[in-house]
C-alpha atoms as a PDB file:
ATOM      1  CA  MET A   1      -0.092  -0.152   0.159  1.00  0.00           C
ATOM      2  CA  SER A   2       2.553   2.698   1.034  1.00  0.00           C
ATOM      3  CA  ALA A   3       4.238   1.923  -2.405  1.00  0.00           C
ATOM      4  CA  PHE A   4       1.280   2.592  -4.127  1.00  0.00           C
ATOM      5  CA  VAL A   5       0.684   5.865  -2.407  1.00  0.00           C
ATOM      6  CA  PHE A   6       4.296   6.934  -2.620  1.00  0.00           C
ATOM      7  CA  PHE A   7       3.977   6.226  -6.707  1.00  0.00           C
ATOM      8  CA  ILE A   8       1.019   8.699  -6.729  1.00  0.00           C
ATOM      9  CA  GLU A   9       3.235  11.285  -4.610  1.00  0.00           C
ATOM     10  CA  GLN A  10       6.218  11.094  -7.064  1.00  0.00           C
ATOM     11  CA  THR A  11       3.716  11.003 -10.343  1.00  0.00           C
ATOM     12  CA  ALA A  12       1.448  13.896  -8.979  1.00  0.00           C
ATOM     13  CA  ILE A  13       2.472  16.549 -11.460  1.00  0.00           C
ATOM     14  CA  ALA A  14       1.700  14.011 -14.424  1.00  0.00           C
ATOM     15  CA  TRP A  15      -1.488  13.447 -12.710  1.00  0.00           C
ATOM     16  CA  TYR A  16      -2.309  17.300 -12.802  1.00  0.00           C
ATOM     17  CA  LEU A  17      -1.338  17.575 -16.437  1.00  0.00           C
ATOM     18  CA  PHE A  18      -3.410  14.296 -17.722  1.00  0.00           C
ATOM     19  CA  ILE A  19      -6.638  15.755 -15.489  1.00  0.00           C
ATOM     20  CA  GLY A  20      -6.028  19.677 -16.904  1.00  0.00           C
ATOM     21  CA  ALA A  21      -6.131  18.263 -20.574  1.00  0.00           C
ATOM     22  CA  ALA A  22      -8.844  15.980 -19.512  1.00  0.00           C
ATOM     23  CA  VAL A  23     -11.145  18.965 -18.116  1.00  0.00           C
ATOM     24  CA  VAL A  24      -9.948  21.226 -21.001  1.00  0.00           C
ATOM     25  CA  PHE A  25     -11.328  18.445 -23.532  1.00  0.00           C
ATOM     26  CA  TYR A  26     -14.516  17.901 -21.963  1.00  0.00           C
ATOM     27  CA  LEU A  27     -15.118  21.831 -21.513  1.00  0.00           C
ATOM     28  CA  TYR A  28     -14.813  22.051 -25.423  1.00  0.00           C
ATOM     29  CA  ARG A  29     -17.544  18.777 -25.344  1.00  0.00           C
ATOM     30  CA  TRP A  30     -20.046  20.935 -23.188  1.00  0.00           C
ATOM     31  CA  ALA A  31     -19.510  23.998 -24.891  1.00  0.00           C
ATOM     32  CA  SER A  32     -20.139  22.514 -28.498  1.00  0.00           C
ATOM     33  CA  ALA A  33     -22.815  20.634 -27.069  1.00  0.00           C
ATOM     34  CA  THR A  34     -24.403  23.678 -25.515  1.00  0.00           C
ATOM     35  CA  SER A  35     -24.162  25.477 -29.137  1.00  0.00           C
ATOM     36  CA  ASP A  36     -25.636  22.145 -31.153  1.00  0.00           C
ATOM     37  CA  LEU A  37     -28.813  22.476 -28.590  1.00  0.00           C
ATOM     38  CA  ARG A  38     -29.448  26.087 -28.918  1.00  0.00           C
ATOM     39  CA  ALA A  39     -28.811  25.659 -32.852  1.00  0.00           C
ATOM     40  CA  SER A  40     -31.503  22.481 -33.275  1.00  0.00           C
ATOM     41  CA  ALA A  41     -34.659  22.719 -34.156  1.00  0.00           C
ATOM     42  CA  PHE A  42     -35.717  19.175 -33.805  1.00  0.00           C
ATOM     43  CA  ARG A  43     -36.454  17.224 -30.166  1.00  0.00           C
ATOM     44  CA  LEU A  44     -34.339  14.400 -31.085  1.00  0.00           C
ATOM     45  CA  GLU A  45     -31.101  16.557 -31.875  1.00  0.00           C
ATOM     46  CA  ARG A  46     -31.633  18.401 -28.957  1.00  0.00           C
ATOM     47  CA  ASP A  47     -32.111  15.413 -26.786  1.00  0.00           C
ATOM     48  CA  LEU A  48     -28.753  14.047 -27.970  1.00  0.00           C
ATOM     49  CA  ALA A  49     -27.064  17.235 -27.313  1.00  0.00           C
ATOM     50  CA  LYS A  50     -28.580  17.326 -23.663  1.00  0.00           C
ATOM     51  CA  ASP A  51     -26.990  13.929 -23.393  1.00  0.00           C
ATOM     52  CA  ARG A  52     -23.501  14.885 -24.788  1.00  0.00           C
ATOM     53  CA  ARG A  53     -23.465  18.445 -22.245  1.00  0.00           C
ATOM     54  CA  GLY A  54     -24.803  16.163 -19.319  1.00  0.00           C
ATOM     55  CA  GLY A  55     -21.456  13.715 -20.078  1.00  0.00           C
ATOM     56  CA  ALA A  56     -19.170  16.159 -20.134  1.00  0.00           C
ATOM     57  CA  VAL A  57     -20.568  18.027 -16.926  1.00  0.00           C
ATOM     58  CA  MET A  58     -20.514  14.770 -15.353  1.00  0.00           C
ATOM     59  CA  ALA A  59     -17.113  13.709 -16.724  1.00  0.00           C
ATOM     60  CA  ILE A  60     -15.574  16.992 -15.598  1.00  0.00           C
ATOM     61  CA  PHE A  61     -16.699  16.785 -11.897  1.00  0.00           C
ATOM     62  CA  LEU A  62     -15.188  13.495 -11.816  1.00  0.00           C
ATOM     63  CA  LEU A  63     -11.965  14.267 -12.884  1.00  0.00           C
ATOM     64  CA  ILE A  64     -12.057  17.419 -10.437  1.00  0.00           C
ATOM     65  CA  GLU A  65     -12.541  14.776  -8.105  1.00  0.00           C
ATOM     66  CA  LEU A  66      -9.627  12.872  -8.966  1.00  0.00           C
ATOM     67  CA  GLY A  67      -7.303  15.696  -9.087  1.00  0.00           C
ATOM     68  CA  LEU A  68      -8.438  16.517  -5.160  1.00  0.00           C
ATOM     69  CA  ALA A  69      -7.651  12.975  -4.464  1.00  0.00           C
ATOM     70  CA  VAL A  70      -3.947  12.726  -5.993  1.00  0.00           C
ATOM     71  CA  ASN A  71      -3.548  15.968  -3.973  1.00  0.00           C
ATOM     72  CA  GLY A  72      -4.824  14.863  -0.720  1.00  0.00           C
ATOM     73  CA  VAL A  73      -2.628  11.472  -1.409  1.00  0.00           C
ATOM     74  CA  ARG A  74       0.171  14.091  -1.771  1.00  0.00           C
ATOM     75  CA  SER A  75      -0.328  16.484   0.648  1.00  0.00           C
ATOM     76  CA  VAL A  76      -1.455  14.258   3.391  1.00  0.00           C
ATOM     77  CA  VAL A  77      -1.658  10.506   2.954  1.00  0.00           C
ATOM     78  CA  ALA A  78       1.868  10.460   1.895  1.00  0.00           C
ATOM     79  CA  PRO A  79       3.601  12.417   4.447  1.00  0.00           C
ATOM     80  CA  SER A  80       1.494  10.264   7.339  1.00  0.00           C
ATOM     81  CA  VAL A  81       2.586   6.850   5.379  1.00  0.00           C
ATOM     82  CA  ARG A  82       6.388   8.246   5.590  1.00  0.00           C
ATOM     83  CA  GLU A  83       6.127   9.163   9.283  1.00  0.00           C
ATOM     84  CA  ASP A  84       4.718   5.605  10.335  1.00  0.00           C
ATOM     85  CA  LEU A  85       7.439   4.170   8.275  1.00  0.00           C
ATOM     86  CA  GLN A  86      10.011   6.282  10.114  1.00  0.00           C
ATOM     87  CA  MET A  87       8.441   5.710  13.665  1.00  0.00           C
ATOM     88  CA  ASN A  88       8.666   1.889  12.798  1.00  0.00           C
ATOM     89  CA  GLU A  89      12.223   1.880  12.172  1.00  0.00           C
ATOM     90  CA  LEU A  90      13.054   3.650  15.244  1.00  0.00           C
ATOM     91  CA  MET A  91      10.895   1.523  17.202  1.00  0.00           C
ATOM     92  CA  THR A  92      12.861  -1.840  15.633  1.00  0.00           C
ATOM     93  CA  VAL A  93      15.021  -3.316  18.058  1.00  0.00           C
ATOM     94  CA  GLN A  94      17.723  -5.354  16.434  1.00  0.00           C
ATOM     95  CA  VAL A  95      18.783  -8.482  18.296  1.00  0.00           C
ATOM     96  CA  VAL A  96      22.502  -9.762  18.200  1.00  0.00           C
ATOM     97  CA  ASP A  97      22.847 -13.156  19.247  1.00  0.00           C
ATOM     98  CA  GLY A  98      26.304 -13.606  21.108  1.00  0.00           C
ATOM     99  CA  THR A  99      28.353 -16.619  21.060  1.00  0.00           C
ATOM    100  CA  PHE A 100      27.043 -19.502  22.446  1.00  0.00           C
ATOM    101  CA  SER A 101      29.661 -22.045  23.968  1.00  0.00           C
ATOM    102  CA  THR A 102      28.858 -24.552  26.623  1.00  0.00           C
ATOM    103  CA  PRO A 103      31.894 -24.590  28.992  1.00  0.00           C
ATOM    104  CA  THR A 104      33.961 -27.875  28.902  1.00  0.00           C
ATOM    105  CA  PRO A 105      35.339 -28.658  32.188  1.00  0.00           C
ATOM    106  CA  PRO A 106      39.037 -29.749  32.015  1.00  0.00           C
ATOM    107  CA  ALA A 107      39.873 -33.485  31.491  1.00  0.00           C
ATOM    108  CA  VAL A 108      40.783 -34.866  34.778  1.00  0.00           C
ATOM    109  CA  LEU A 109      43.819 -37.030  34.098  1.00  0.00           C
ATOM    110  CA  GLU A 110      44.564 -39.673  36.577  1.00  0.00           C
ATOM    111  CA  ALA A 111      47.501 -41.858  37.484  1.00  0.00           C
ATOM    112  CA  LEU A 112      46.852 -45.165  35.863  1.00  0.00           C
ATOM    113  CA  ASP A 113      48.680 -48.285  37.057  1.00  0.00           C
ATOM    114  CA  ILE A 114      49.044 -50.848  33.755  1.00  0.00           C
ATOM    115  CA  ASP A 115      50.827 -53.947  34.158  1.00  0.00           C
ATOM    116  CA  SER A 116      52.803 -54.761  30.744  1.00  0.00           C
ATOM    117  CA  SER A 117      54.365 -57.636  32.014  1.00  0.00           C
ATOM    118  CA  GLY A 118      52.671 -59.785  29.484  1.00  0.00           C
ATOM    119  CA  ILE A 119      52.869 -57.502  26.295  1.00  0.00           C
ATOM    120  CA  ASP A 120      55.084 -58.665  23.672  1.00  0.00           C
ATOM    121  CA  LEU A 121      56.046 -55.106  21.735  1.00  0.00           C
ATOM    122  CA  GLY A 122      58.462 -56.866  19.723  1.00  0.00           C
ATOM    123  CA  PRO A 123      62.189 -55.654  19.125  1.00  0.00           C
ATOM    124  CA  GLN A 124      61.965 -52.008  19.404  1.00  0.00           C
ATOM    125  CA  ASP A 125      65.431 -51.069  17.171  1.00  0.00           C
ATOM    126  CA  GLU A 126      63.493 -52.488  14.073  1.00  0.00           C
ATOM    127  CA  ALA A 127      61.542 -51.199  11.592  1.00  0.00           C
ATOM    128  CA  VAL A 128      58.131 -52.589  11.173  1.00  0.00           C
ATOM    129  CA  ILE A 129      56.068 -52.777   8.198  1.00  0.00           C
ATOM    130  CA  PHE A 130      52.300 -53.378   8.309  1.00  0.00           C
ATOM    131  CA  ILE A 131      50.529 -54.221   4.856  1.00  0.00           C
ATOM    132  CA  THR A 132      47.138 -52.284   4.597  1.00  0.00           C
ATOM    133  CA  PRO A 133      44.473 -54.336   2.548  1.00  0.00           C
ATOM    134  CA  THR A 134      43.146 -52.615  -0.310  1.00  0.00           C
ATOM    135  CA  LEU A 135      39.675 -52.459  -0.738  1.00  0.00           C
ATOM    136  CA  THR A 136      38.261 -54.370  -3.459  1.00  0.00           C
ATOM    137  CA  PRO A 137      35.327 -52.774  -5.695  1.00  0.00           C
ATOM    138  CA  THR A 138      31.583 -53.488  -4.483  1.00  0.00           C
ATOM    139  CA  PRO A 139      30.449 -55.543  -7.205  1.00  0.00           C
ATOM    140  CA  VAL A 140      27.447 -54.279  -9.306  1.00  0.00           C
ATOM    141  CA  GLY A 141      25.327 -58.010  -8.691  1.00  0.00           C
ATOM    142  CA  THR A 142      25.305 -61.273  -8.465  1.00  0.00           C
ATOM    143  CA  ILE A 143      26.517 -62.746 -12.224  1.00  0.00           C
ATOM    144  CA  LEU A 144      24.499 -65.857 -12.992  1.00  0.00           C
ATOM    145  CA  PRO A 145      26.142 -68.833 -14.513  1.00  0.00           C
ATOM    146  CA  ASP A 146      24.728 -70.902 -17.268  1.00  0.00           C
ATOM    147  CA  VAL A 147      22.743 -67.971 -18.905  1.00  0.00           C
ATOM    148  CA  ASP A 148      22.646 -67.772 -22.680  1.00  0.00           C
ATOM    149  CA  ASP A 149      25.340 -65.628 -24.348  1.00  0.00           C
ATOM    150  CA  PRO A 150      24.746 -62.197 -25.519  1.00  0.00           C
ATOM    151  CA  SER A 151      23.961 -61.202 -29.191  1.00  0.00           C
ATOM    152  CA  GLY A 152      25.645 -58.591 -30.814  1.00  0.00           C
ATOM    153  CA  CYS A 153      28.103 -56.518 -28.624  1.00  0.00           C
ATOM    154  CA  GLU A 154      31.128 -57.305 -30.348  1.00  0.00           C
ATOM    155  CA  THR A 155      31.880 -53.434 -31.272  1.00  0.00           C
ATOM    156  CA  GLU A 156      32.213 -50.204 -29.378  1.00  0.00           C
ATOM    157  CA  ASN A 157      29.713 -49.120 -31.717  1.00  0.00           C
ATOM    158  CA  ALA A 158      26.946 -50.771 -29.158  1.00  0.00           C
ATOM    159  CA  MET A 159      27.908 -51.966 -25.827  1.00  0.00           C
ATOM    160  CA  LEU A 160      26.503 -52.478 -22.211  1.00  0.00           C
ATOM    161  CA  GLU A 161      28.808 -52.704 -19.481  1.00  0.00           C
ATOM    162  CA  ILE A 162      26.186 -52.475 -16.763  1.00  0.00           C
ATOM    163  CA  PRO A 163      24.128 -54.696 -16.427  1.00  0.00           C
ATOM    164  CA  VAL A 164      26.588 -57.258 -17.819  1.00  0.00           C
ATOM    165  CA  ASN A 165      25.135 -60.363 -19.502  1.00  0.00           C
ATOM    166  CA  GLY A 166      23.950 -62.516 -16.637  1.00  0.00           C
ATOM    167  CA  MET A 167      23.429 -60.016 -13.984  1.00  0.00           C
ATOM    168  CA  ARG A 168      20.776 -60.460 -11.317  1.00  0.00           C
ATOM    169  CA  VAL A 169      19.098 -56.820 -10.890  1.00  0.00           C
ATOM    170  CA  PHE A 170      16.758 -56.187  -7.638  1.00  0.00           C
ATOM    171  CA  GLN A 171      17.091 -52.712  -7.325  1.00  0.00           C
ATOM    172  CA  PRO A 172      17.572 -49.421  -9.431  1.00  0.00           C
ATOM    173  CA  ILE A 173      20.976 -49.302 -11.422  1.00  0.00           C
ATOM    174  CA  GLU A 174      22.949 -46.834 -13.938  1.00  0.00           C
ATOM    175  CA  VAL A 175      22.642 -48.408 -17.583  1.00  0.00           C
ATOM    176  CA  ARG A 176      26.452 -47.722 -18.851  1.00  0.00           C
ATOM    177  CA  GLY A 177      28.035 -48.562 -22.083  1.00  0.00           C
ATOM    178  CA  THR A 178      28.676 -46.924 -25.740  1.00  0.00           C
ATOM    179  CA  ALA A 179      26.585 -45.973 -28.604  1.00  0.00           C
ATOM    180  CA  PHE A 180      27.808 -44.165 -31.651  1.00  0.00           C
ATOM    181  CA  VAL A 181      27.645 -45.056 -35.237  1.00  0.00           C
ATOM    182  CA  ASP A 182      28.643 -42.735 -38.475  1.00  0.00           C
ATOM    183  CA  ASN A 183      26.024 -40.241 -38.921  1.00  0.00           C
ATOM    184  CA  PHE A 184      24.474 -41.099 -35.462  1.00  0.00           C
ATOM    185  CA  SER A 185      20.754 -40.402 -35.523  1.00  0.00           C
ATOM    186  CA  GLN A 186      19.404 -41.946 -31.991  1.00  0.00           C
ATOM    187  CA  TYR A 187      19.938 -44.966 -29.652  1.00  0.00           C
ATOM    188  CA  LYS A 188      16.911 -47.228 -28.237  1.00  0.00           C
ATOM    189  CA  LEU A 189      16.833 -49.148 -24.977  1.00  0.00           C
ATOM    190  CA  GLU A 190      14.411 -51.749 -24.436  1.00  0.00           C
ATOM    191  CA  ILE A 191      13.624 -54.652 -22.230  1.00  0.00           C
ATOM    192  CA  GLY A 192      12.221 -57.961 -23.424  1.00  0.00           C
ATOM    193  CA  ARG A 193       9.826 -59.979 -21.533  1.00  0.00           C
ATOM    194  CA  PRO A 194       9.195 -63.378 -21.774  1.00  0.00           C
ATOM    195  CA  GLY A 195       6.452 -64.309 -24.699  1.00  0.00           C
ATOM    196  CA  PRO A 196       4.666 -67.741 -25.672  1.00  0.00           C
ATOM    197  CA  ASN A 197       7.066 -69.936 -27.815  1.00  0.00           C
ATOM    198  CA  ASP A 198      10.150 -68.805 -26.192  1.00  0.00           C
ATOM    199  CA  THR A 199      10.184 -65.741 -27.768  1.00  0.00           C
ATOM    200  CA  PHE A 200      10.582 -62.072 -25.590  1.00  0.00           C
ATOM    201  CA  ILE A 201       8.072 -59.152 -26.259  1.00  0.00           C
ATOM    202  CA  PHE A 202      10.206 -55.664 -25.716  1.00  0.00           C
ATOM    203  CA  ALA A 203       9.317 -52.758 -24.793  1.00  0.00           C
ATOM    204  CA  GLN A 204      10.966 -49.464 -24.678  1.00  0.00           C
ATOM    205  CA  LEU A 205      12.766 -47.935 -21.874  1.00  0.00           C
ATOM    206  CA  ASP A 206      14.581 -44.912 -23.117  1.00  0.00           C
ATOM    207  CA  VAL A 207      16.103 -42.821 -26.382  1.00  0.00           C
ATOM    208  CA  GLY A 208      18.973 -41.014 -26.514  1.00  0.00           C
ATOM    209  CA  ALA A 209      19.408 -38.150 -28.950  1.00  0.00           C
ATOM    210  CA  SER A 210      23.231 -38.158 -28.237  1.00  0.00           C
ATOM    211  CA  PRO A 211      26.353 -40.383 -29.281  1.00  0.00           C
ATOM    212  CA  VAL A 212      28.302 -41.990 -26.298  1.00  0.00           C
ATOM    213  CA  THR A 213      31.344 -42.651 -27.480  1.00  0.00           C
ATOM    214  CA  GLU A 214      33.238 -43.369 -24.312  1.00  0.00           C
ATOM    215  CA  MET A 215      31.611 -45.627 -21.529  1.00  0.00           C
ATOM    216  CA  GLY A 216      29.105 -43.702 -19.890  1.00  0.00           C
ATOM    217  CA  ASN A 217      25.821 -43.502 -18.579  1.00  0.00           C
ATOM    218  CA  LEU A 218      22.821 -44.457 -21.320  1.00  0.00           C
ATOM    219  CA  SER A 219      19.767 -44.566 -19.139  1.00  0.00           C
ATOM    220  CA  GLN A 220      18.428 -45.304 -15.634  1.00  0.00           C
ATOM    221  CA  PHE A 221      16.773 -48.808 -15.166  1.00  0.00           C
ATOM    222  CA  ASN A 222      14.138 -49.364 -12.434  1.00  0.00           C
ATOM    223  CA  PRO A 223      13.214 -52.751 -12.024  1.00  0.00           C
ATOM    224  CA  ALA A 224      10.134 -52.197  -9.883  1.00  0.00           C
ATOM    225  CA  PRO A 225       7.383 -52.213 -12.557  1.00  0.00           C
ATOM    226  CA  PHE A 226       8.902 -56.114 -13.452  1.00  0.00           C
ATOM    227  CA  GLN A 227       9.370 -57.364 -10.055  1.00  0.00           C
ATOM    228  CA  SER A 228       5.677 -58.368  -9.905  1.00  0.00           C
ATOM    229  CA  GLU A 229       6.854 -61.308 -12.426  1.00  0.00           C
ATOM    230  CA  PRO A 230      10.575 -62.083 -11.630  1.00  0.00           C
ATOM    231  CA  GLY A 231      12.419 -64.212 -13.917  1.00  0.00           C
ATOM    232  CA  MET A 232      14.954 -63.526 -17.203  1.00  0.00           C
ATOM    233  CA  TYR A 233      14.410 -61.076 -18.766  1.00  0.00           C
ATOM    234  CA  GLN A 234      16.610 -59.421 -22.227  1.00  0.00           C
ATOM    235  CA  MET A 235      18.035 -55.832 -22.137  1.00  0.00           C
ATOM    236  CA  ARG A 236      18.745 -54.570 -25.861  1.00  0.00           C
ATOM    237  CA  LEU A 237      20.758 -51.434 -27.042  1.00  0.00           C
ATOM    238  CA  MET A 238      19.973 -50.687 -30.616  1.00  0.00           C
ATOM    239  CA  VAL A 239      22.033 -47.499 -32.520  1.00  0.00           C
ATOM    240  CA  PHE A 240      20.454 -46.003 -35.568  1.00  0.00           C
ATOM    241  CA  ASP A 241      21.772 -43.721 -38.616  1.00  0.00           C
ATOM    242  CA  ILE A 242      20.178 -40.758 -39.690  1.00  0.00           C
ATOM    243  CA  ASN A 243      18.126 -42.836 -42.169  1.00  0.00           C
ATOM    244  CA  ASP A 244      16.882 -44.844 -39.388  1.00  0.00           C
ATOM    245  CA  VAL A 245      18.650 -47.861 -40.147  1.00  0.00           C
ATOM    246  CA  LEU A 246      19.822 -50.209 -37.249  1.00  0.00           C
ATOM    247  CA  ARG A 247      23.747 -50.089 -37.441  1.00  0.00           C
ATOM    248  CA  ALA A 248      24.459 -51.996 -33.976  1.00  0.00           C
ATOM    249  CA  SER A 249      22.947 -53.473 -31.478  1.00  0.00           C
ATOM    250  CA  CYS A 250      23.821 -55.332 -27.951  1.00  0.00           C
ATOM    251  CA  LEU A 251      21.430 -57.952 -26.169  1.00  0.00           C
ATOM    252  CA  VAL A 252      22.090 -59.127 -22.953  1.00  0.00           C
ATOM    253  CA  ASN A 253      20.243 -61.710 -20.218  1.00  0.00           C
ATOM    254  CA  ILE A 254      19.453 -60.290 -16.911  1.00  0.00           C
ATOM    255  CA  GLU A 255      17.320 -61.939 -14.127  1.00  0.00           C
ATOM    256  CA  ILE A 256      14.975 -59.265 -12.461  1.00  0.00           C
ATOM    257  CA  SER A 257      14.556 -60.598  -8.709  1.00  0.00           C
ATOM    258  CA  PRO A 258      12.192 -59.206  -5.751  1.00  0.00           C
ATOM    259  CA  PRO A 259      13.975 -56.616  -3.367  1.00  0.00           C
ATOM    260  CA  ILE A 260      16.585 -58.202  -0.924  1.00  0.00           C
ATOM    261  CA  PRO A 261      14.858 -57.696   2.515  1.00  0.00           C
ATOM    262  CA  THR A 262      17.121 -55.920   4.939  1.00  0.00           C
ATOM    263  CA  PRO A 263      17.357 -57.253   8.485  1.00  0.00           C
ATOM    264  CA  THR A 264      15.029 -55.091  11.149  1.00  0.00           C
ATOM    265  CA  PRO A 265      17.045 -54.116  14.128  1.00  0.00           C
ATOM    266  CA  LEU A 266      15.855 -55.832  17.407  1.00  0.00           C
ATOM    267  CA  GLY A 267      14.802 -52.978  19.988  1.00  0.00           C
ATOM    268  CA  GLY A 268      17.301 -52.787  22.623  1.00  0.00           C
END
């Protein structure tokens, strides 16, 4: 509200000029209507002239009221609002938080009588080298034996690193691989569900419009929609050129299983 009041105050001169020009215009309309009223011999023309003159008078009164309102905002309302804002600023109490610190009691050192006669520290004058075991990377999933061989995947134009052939998938994974050919157009990622007569019915998972020339992220795969029917599935990567011709593909066999239950901690 204060912003509107200050806007009227700052633009009061422009409002006065607009109102003055509008009053002059409607005074001209009033004079023209009065002249037509005096010169008209027909009743219809006189009625129209009276309407125009009345409208001009009403518009002039409204413009005068608008001018008085602008003057009131400029001379009364704006100074009052400004004074209230200044008073609020003076009454505002700024609270500055101090440094919160809890005193920490000093550590109490007690003399401990430790019997070290049964501890063999080894020779003290020899350098001892300790071997720290190296952490091995966590496998992305269980690889099942005795699954069908992958199809395609011989070239880097279409290759799947994750999921690998025979992988058991039970949680969302990042699909990684490569997908690129000359005159590349797009690559498609599909999942195949077992169908009748040992066939697979494929459904599209994702489409990529940019080639992946180095091993990287192709898509994200969430097995949740397929965990109601666990079993063997096929994931297929297909790469197309600008003529929509399949130029490279890679198909791997995966097993989708229900999520692995996590142990529930017992209450202490």
